Amino acid sequence: MNKKAVTVTNAMPSQDNHLSRHDFLNLVIKGSLALSGLLGFRMLLHFLEFQDEAATPTHFDIGLADDYPLGARSLIPQARAIVLHNDQGLIALSLVCPHLGCTIN
């Protein structure tokens, strides 16, 4: 009798737990994209929840015009302004820089 040799192969995939380089790089890329997406979404929520500071007052009571003699330069600290009294009348100048918001000396 002629008997043929029979080989049996396992039909189940191998239980090899090693991650290939390709799979590792895919995992790193997808994880990085997911993390950057979550951080971007968080920053978008932070931007949309922004609450402006309380509005600073724009009108100040600085007293009577007679309180400022001709030629006077008076600093008004609460208004961050200076009041000048010349021949043309009273002039109020802001000491706040419109670009940076700092006080000009």
Foldseek 3Di string as FASTA:
>chain_A
DDDDDDDDDDPDDDPDPDDDPVRVVVVVVVVVVVVVVVVVVVVVVVVVPDDDDPDQDDDDPPDDQVVADEQRWAQDVSQCWIWHQHPVGIDIGHQADPPPRDGHD
